[in-house]
Protein backbone atom coordinates (compact mmCIF):
# COMPACT_ATOMS: atom_id res chain seq x y z
CA MET A 1 100.36 80.06 113.35
CA PRO A 2 101.16 83.05 111.06
CA ASP A 3 104.43 82.79 109.14
CA THR A 4 104.98 86.54 108.73
CA GLN A 5 106.25 87.50 112.17
CA PRO A 6 108.50 86.20 114.95
CA LEU A 7 107.15 84.09 117.77
CA LEU A 8 107.25 85.20 121.40
CA LEU A 9 107.49 82.19 123.71
CA LEU A 10 106.25 82.95 127.23
CA THR A 11 107.11 80.44 129.94
CA ARG A 12 105.75 82.11 133.08
CA PRO A 13 102.42 81.05 134.63
CA ARG A 14 99.55 81.82 132.28
CA ALA A 15 98.20 84.88 134.13
CA ALA A 16 101.66 86.48 134.23
CA SER A 17 102.30 85.62 130.57
CA GLU A 18 99.00 87.10 129.44
CA ARG A 19 99.68 90.22 131.48
CA PHE A 20 103.13 90.55 129.85
CA VAL A 21 101.55 90.41 126.37
CA GLN A 22 99.02 93.06 127.39
CA GLU A 23 101.77 95.32 128.75
CA LEU A 24 103.74 94.94 125.51
CA ALA A 25 100.67 96.06 123.59
CA GLU A 26 100.20 99.04 125.91
CA GLU A 27 103.79 100.08 125.19
CA GLY A 28 103.29 99.81 121.44
CA ILE A 29 105.34 96.63 120.97
CA SER A 30 103.65 94.44 118.38
CA GLY A 31 104.39 92.32 115.33
CA PHE A 32 104.75 88.95 117.02
CA THR A 33 102.72 85.83 117.63
CA PRO A 34 102.50 84.89 121.34
CA VAL A 35 102.97 81.26 122.33
CA ILE A 36 102.15 80.68 126.00
CA SER A 37 103.64 77.55 127.54
CA PRO A 38 104.07 77.84 131.33
CA LEU A 39 107.07 75.86 132.57
CA ILE A 40 106.15 76.63 136.18
CA GLU A 41 102.71 76.90 137.75
CA VAL A 42 101.74 78.36 141.12
CA GLU A 43 99.67 76.32 143.54
CA PRO A 44 98.78 77.74 146.99
CA THR A 45 99.61 75.15 149.63
CA GLY A 46 98.54 76.78 152.90
CA PRO A 47 97.37 77.08 155.47
CA LEU A 48 98.59 80.48 156.52
CA PRO A 49 100.75 80.52 159.63
CA GLN A 50 99.57 81.97 162.91
CA MET A 51 99.33 85.71 162.24
CA GLU A 52 99.05 86.90 165.82
CA GLY A 53 101.91 89.23 166.62
CA ILE A 54 102.90 89.78 162.97
CA THR A 55 103.40 93.50 162.38
CA GLY A 56 104.43 93.50 158.71
CA LEU A 57 104.55 91.33 155.60
CA ILE A 58 107.32 90.77 153.07
CA PHE A 59 106.58 89.59 149.53
CA THR A 60 109.26 88.62 147.02
CA SER A 61 106.83 87.86 144.18
CA ALA A 62 103.35 88.73 143.01
CA ASN A 63 102.63 84.99 143.27
CA GLY A 64 103.15 85.23 147.03
CA VAL A 65 100.64 88.08 147.27
CA ARG A 66 98.04 86.18 145.27
CA ALA A 67 98.57 82.98 147.26
CA TYR A 68 98.23 84.97 150.49
CA ALA A 69 94.92 86.40 149.25
CA GLU A 70 93.61 83.00 148.10
CA LEU A 71 94.38 81.56 151.53
CA GLY A 72 92.33 84.29 153.20
CA GLY A 73 95.13 86.62 154.25
CA ALA A 74 94.15 90.14 155.30
CA PRO A 75 96.02 93.36 154.48
CA LEU A 76 98.41 94.72 157.09
CA PRO A 77 99.49 98.37 157.41
CA LEU A 78 103.16 97.48 156.89
CA CYS A 79 104.13 95.66 153.71
CA TYR A 80 107.35 95.33 151.73
CA ALA A 81 107.44 94.34 148.04
CA VAL A 82 110.56 93.30 146.13
CA GLY A 83 109.61 95.27 143.01
CA GLU A 84 106.86 97.08 141.19
CA ALA A 85 104.99 94.03 139.85
CA THR A 86 104.77 92.60 143.36
CA ALA A 87 103.76 96.01 144.68
CA ARG A 88 100.87 96.21 142.19
CA ALA A 89 99.55 92.88 143.42
CA ALA A 90 99.81 94.10 147.01
CA ARG A 91 97.94 97.30 146.17
CA ASP A 92 95.20 95.24 144.55
CA LEU A 93 94.81 93.51 147.92
CA GLY A 94 94.45 96.86 149.67
CA MET A 95 97.97 97.27 151.03
CA VAL A 96 100.34 100.22 150.66
CA PRO A 97 103.68 98.53 150.02
CA ARG A 98 107.15 99.96 150.35
CA VAL A 99 108.86 99.01 147.11
CA ALA A 100 112.46 97.85 146.74
CA GLY A 101 114.63 97.80 143.64
CA GLY A 102 113.58 94.45 142.19
CA ASP A 103 115.90 91.96 143.89
CA ALA A 104 116.51 90.39 147.30
CA GLU A 105 119.54 92.53 148.06
CA SER A 106 117.73 95.83 147.54
CA LEU A 107 114.80 94.52 149.57
CA LEU A 108 117.07 93.52 152.45
CA ALA A 109 118.76 96.92 152.38
CA ALA A 110 115.41 98.77 152.31
CA ILE A 111 114.03 96.89 155.31
CA LEU A 112 117.19 97.35 157.36
CA ALA A 113 117.28 101.05 156.48
CA ASP A 114 113.68 101.42 157.68
CA ALA A 115 114.40 99.46 160.88
CA PRO A 116 110.66 98.82 161.39
CA GLY A 117 111.05 96.60 164.45
CA GLY A 118 108.20 94.31 165.40
CA GLN A 119 107.80 90.82 163.89
CA LEU A 120 107.91 90.61 160.10
CA LEU A 121 106.77 87.63 158.04
CA HIS A 122 108.22 86.65 154.67
CA LEU A 123 105.60 84.76 152.62
CA ARG A 124 107.31 82.78 149.86
CA GLY A 125 107.17 79.78 147.54
CA THR A 126 108.83 76.40 147.80
CA HIS A 127 111.71 77.54 145.61
CA ALA A 128 113.26 80.76 146.90
CA ARG A 129 116.68 82.38 146.96
CA GLY A 130 118.32 84.92 149.22
CA ASP A 131 117.55 83.45 152.68
CA LEU A 132 115.88 86.75 153.50
CA ALA A 133 114.29 85.94 156.87
CA ALA A 134 117.50 84.49 158.32
CA ARG A 135 119.59 87.44 157.11
CA LEU A 136 117.15 89.94 158.58
CA GLY A 137 117.18 88.08 161.88
CA ALA A 138 120.97 88.03 161.92
CA ALA A 139 120.94 91.81 161.39
CA GLY A 140 118.62 92.34 164.35
CA GLN A 141 115.24 92.57 162.61
CA PRO A 142 112.93 89.72 163.75
CA CYS A 143 111.49 87.92 160.75
CA LEU A 144 109.70 84.62 160.28
CA GLU A 145 109.03 82.91 156.98
CA ALA A 146 106.23 80.70 155.68
CA VAL A 147 105.99 78.68 152.47
CA ILE A 148 102.46 79.26 151.16
CA TYR A 149 102.70 78.10 147.54
CA ASP A 150 104.43 75.50 145.43
CA GLN A 151 105.92 75.97 141.94
CA PRO A 152 105.67 72.61 140.14
CA THR A 153 107.13 72.30 136.66
CA ARG A 154 105.09 71.74 133.52
CA PRO A 155 106.08 70.32 130.11
CA LEU A 156 106.13 72.38 126.95
CA THR A 157 102.82 72.56 125.13
CA ALA A 158 102.45 71.05 121.67
CA GLU A 159 102.33 74.58 120.22
CA ALA A 160 105.60 75.50 121.94
CA ILE A 161 107.31 72.34 120.71
CA ALA A 162 106.15 73.08 117.17
CA ALA A 163 107.53 76.62 117.47
CA LEU A 164 110.92 75.41 118.72
CA GLN A 165 111.13 72.78 115.99
CA GLY A 166 110.12 75.23 113.28
CA ARG A 167 111.92 77.77 111.12
CA LEU A 168 110.50 81.03 112.50
CA PRO A 169 112.65 82.96 114.99
CA VAL A 170 111.58 82.56 118.62
CA VAL A 171 112.12 85.26 121.24
CA VAL A 172 111.93 84.04 124.83
CA PRO A 173 112.10 86.23 127.96
CA LEU A 174 113.50 84.36 130.97
CA PHE A 175 112.90 85.80 134.42
CA SER A 176 114.54 83.40 136.89
CA PRO A 177 117.48 80.98 136.98
CA ARG A 178 115.16 78.08 137.74
CA THR A 179 112.93 78.76 134.73
CA ALA A 180 116.02 79.23 132.57
CA ARG A 181 117.39 75.83 133.59
CA ILE A 182 114.03 74.16 132.92
CA PHE A 183 113.86 75.88 129.53
CA VAL A 184 117.34 74.73 128.50
CA GLU A 185 116.47 71.14 129.39
CA ALA A 186 113.18 71.36 127.48
CA VAL A 187 114.84 72.81 124.38
CA ALA A 188 117.43 70.01 124.37
CA ALA A 189 114.73 67.36 124.81
CA VAL A 190 112.79 68.47 121.72
CA SER A 191 115.89 69.01 119.53
CA ALA A 192 114.96 72.62 118.82
CA THR A 193 115.93 74.02 115.42
CA ALA A 194 114.32 77.48 115.48
CA PRO A 195 116.60 80.54 115.72
CA LEU A 196 116.44 81.57 119.40
CA PHE A 197 116.67 85.07 120.88
CA ALA A 198 116.71 85.36 124.69
CA ALA A 199 116.04 88.25 127.05
CA TYR A 200 117.49 87.64 130.52
CA MET A 201 116.29 89.27 133.74
CA SER A 202 119.81 89.17 135.20
CA ALA A 203 123.32 87.87 134.66
CA GLU A 204 122.42 85.00 136.98
CA VAL A 205 119.56 84.01 134.67
CA ALA A 206 121.90 84.20 131.69
CA GLY A 207 124.38 82.02 133.56
CA ALA A 208 121.73 79.34 134.00
CA CYS A 209 121.61 79.13 130.19
CA SER A 210 125.39 78.91 129.87
CA GLY A 211 126.44 76.51 127.15
CA HIS A 212 123.11 76.67 125.34
CA TYR A 213 123.28 78.38 121.97
CA VAL A 214 121.12 81.39 121.21
CA LEU A 215 121.45 83.53 118.10
CA ASP A 216 121.23 86.78 120.05
CA SER A 217 120.52 87.78 123.65
CA ASP A 218 120.18 90.72 126.00
CA ILE A 219 120.62 91.09 129.77
CA VAL A 220 118.65 93.93 131.35
CA SER A 221 120.54 96.34 133.58
CA ARG A 222 118.06 96.04 136.45
CA PRO A 223 115.45 93.36 137.25
CA GLU A 224 112.44 95.39 136.14
CA GLY A 225 109.47 94.37 134.02
CA GLN A 226 109.62 97.53 131.91
CA LEU A 227 113.25 96.86 131.00
CA MET A 228 112.38 93.26 130.10
CA ARG A 229 109.64 94.49 127.78
CA LYS A 230 112.07 96.93 126.17
CA SER A 231 114.59 94.10 125.74
CA VAL A 232 111.95 91.87 124.15
CA GLY A 233 111.02 94.68 121.76
CA LYS A 234 114.64 95.08 120.73
CA LEU A 235 115.10 91.34 120.15
CA LEU A 236 111.87 91.16 118.13
CA GLU A 237 113.28 93.85 115.86
CA CYS A 238 116.49 91.86 115.52
CA ALA A 239 114.53 88.69 114.72
CA ARG A 240 112.32 90.19 112.01
CA PRO A 241 114.88 90.07 109.17
CA LEU A 242 114.83 86.28 109.45
CA VAL A 243 111.13 86.43 108.59
CA GLU A 244 110.80 89.47 106.36
CA ARG A 245 113.83 88.73 104.18
CA ALA A 246 113.72 84.97 104.64
CA GLY A 247 117.24 85.44 105.93
CA SER A 248 119.30 82.51 107.09
CA VAL A 249 120.95 82.25 110.49
CA GLU A 250 124.30 82.48 108.73
CA SER A 251 123.40 85.78 107.06
CA TYR A 252 122.21 87.19 110.38
CA GLN A 253 125.49 86.23 112.04
CA ARG A 254 127.46 87.71 109.14
CA ASP A 255 125.61 91.03 109.33
CA ALA A 256 125.89 91.22 113.12
CA GLY A 257 129.54 90.19 113.14
CA SER A 258 130.49 92.71 110.46
CA GLY A 259 128.97 95.58 112.39
CA ARG A 260 126.16 95.96 109.84
CA ASP A 261 122.77 96.38 111.47
CA PRO A 262 121.00 93.02 110.86
CA ARG A 263 117.71 94.91 110.97
CA ALA A 264 118.65 96.96 107.90
CA THR A 265 116.78 96.29 104.69
CA ASP A 266 118.35 96.29 101.24
């Protein structure tokens, strides 16, 4: 791999990782070498539940939308999506989703504010947080849930291990607490030596990495893909002096700690 630019380690499923790289390019963020090593894959499990009487669908990830499509699910007029990435997947399937603010709490609030009535169905993966269907039901909105895909873990690829054991700085965006925990365990298992920079989707994701050393990090203000890409761009800029000036970790820490911009050139 080239030794003139930082590495960007992407741990989401391959399709999502490749899409993230493409979106970075579209936003003019470049100067990195992508290393794709999914720590979680998505496997539709099916079958779909009985759909008779279901008046609306709820999706809390684009993976749920794609699994629903693979299992033969048809669009419904009423559809809720947790955020914009999930909404795009729903639109690709021919639905017109109502889009929440990117997390379970904003989605819950949006549905309750709409008060759609009828019988909603939350289509989710094996690992989910928020207990959305039960909370909607307790608030008076009927909602069922169905697990339609699994999220098994995967080991780091040989390329990812080489990157983590190398000398080039590695920037890693982490989108969920579960992925963050898997990543921390994987990094410890390979005795990583590379300078690490981490972009966190939320404070909860950052908390899942608590106790694991990173040279620099950033927590986005809202769980949005665009903000994560901006965060990654900022961390890539911070990481470049370690490549361009062959700077040591110690010099980076000294510059950052003194208030001097570590991105500055002499």
